Amino acid sequence: MKRLPGATPGMTAIALAIILVLSIGSAIAAQSYFSYVEVTEAADRCYDLGGFPEIEKSGWQMTHFECHTD
């Protein structure tokens, strides 16, 4: 691999650390967003049926969903 002329090993390490932090942050943000969308869609469908949703979550996963209708 060809080195950049002005890049020191410290600068390379910092650049790799920044890329790693941004990658992990993006993965966490995506997981959080998709969890939010899953819960919101399930609750909206329940409300459309005239019910009241009961939702339990563990971390980012929906572990229990029940739609109570009268």
Protein backbone atom coordinates (compact mmCIF):
# COMPACT_ATOMS: atom_id res chain seq x y z
CA MET A 1 0.00 0.00 0.00
CA LYS A 2 1.38 3.38 -0.97
CA ARG A 3 1.74 5.88 1.85
CA LEU A 4 0.67 9.48 1.54
CA PRO A 5 3.73 11.74 1.60
CA GLY A 6 2.61 13.90 4.54
CA ALA A 7 0.77 11.27 6.60
CA THR A 8 2.42 10.20 9.84
CA PRO A 9 1.52 6.95 11.60
CA GLY A 10 -0.34 8.98 14.25
CA MET A 11 -2.46 10.71 11.63
CA THR A 12 -3.29 7.34 10.06
CA ALA A 13 -4.35 5.92 13.43
CA ILE A 14 -6.58 8.94 14.09
CA ALA A 15 -8.17 8.65 10.64
CA LEU A 16 -8.88 4.94 11.20
CA ALA A 17 -10.33 5.67 14.66
CA ILE A 18 -12.64 8.32 13.20
CA ILE A 19 -13.81 5.92 10.49
CA LEU A 20 -14.45 3.22 13.10
CA VAL A 21 -16.44 5.58 15.35
CA LEU A 22 -18.53 6.81 12.42
CA SER A 23 -19.21 3.24 11.28
CA ILE A 24 -20.31 2.09 14.73
CA GLY A 25 -22.44 5.23 15.18
CA SER A 26 -24.12 4.64 11.84
CA ALA A 27 -24.90 1.02 12.72
CA ILE A 28 -26.42 2.04 16.08
CA ALA A 29 -28.46 4.81 14.46
CA ALA A 30 -29.80 2.43 11.79
CA GLN A 31 -30.79 -0.20 14.38
CA SER A 32 -32.53 2.41 16.50
CA TYR A 33 -34.41 3.81 13.51
CA PHE A 34 -35.64 0.42 12.30
CA SER A 35 -36.75 -0.50 15.82
CA TYR A 36 -38.71 2.76 16.01
CA VAL A 37 -40.34 2.10 12.62
CA GLU A 38 -41.32 -1.45 13.62
CA VAL A 39 -43.02 -0.32 16.84
CA THR A 40 -44.69 2.69 15.21
CA GLU A 41 -46.14 0.64 12.34
CA ALA A 42 -47.48 -2.04 14.69
CA ALA A 43 -49.05 0.55 16.99
CA ASP A 44 -50.56 2.48 14.08
CA ARG A 45 -52.17 -0.69 12.69
CA CYS A 46 -53.64 -1.39 16.12
CA TYR A 47 -54.99 2.16 16.43
CA ASP A 48 -56.51 1.84 12.94
CA LEU A 49 -58.47 -1.16 14.22
CA GLY A 50 -59.72 0.91 17.15
CA GLY A 51 -57.54 -0.84 19.68
CA PHE A 52 -54.92 0.03 22.24
CA PRO A 53 -51.47 -1.52 21.76
CA GLU A 54 -49.51 -3.21 24.53
CA ILE A 55 -45.83 -3.30 23.59
CA GLU A 56 -42.84 -4.68 25.46
CA LYS A 57 -39.31 -4.14 24.24
CA SER A 58 -35.96 -5.53 25.27
CA GLY A 59 -33.18 -3.37 23.97
CA TRP A 60 -34.09 -2.66 20.38
CA GLN A 61 -36.29 -5.72 19.86
CA MET A 62 -40.04 -5.85 20.33
CA THR A 63 -40.54 -8.90 22.55
CA HIS A 64 -44.31 -8.73 23.00
CA PHE A 65 -47.12 -7.03 21.10
CA GLU A 66 -50.82 -7.27 21.80
CA CYS A 67 -53.65 -5.17 20.42
CA HIS A 68 -56.51 -4.78 22.88
CA THR A 69 -59.83 -4.07 21.14
CA ASP A 70 -63.21 -3.76 22.78
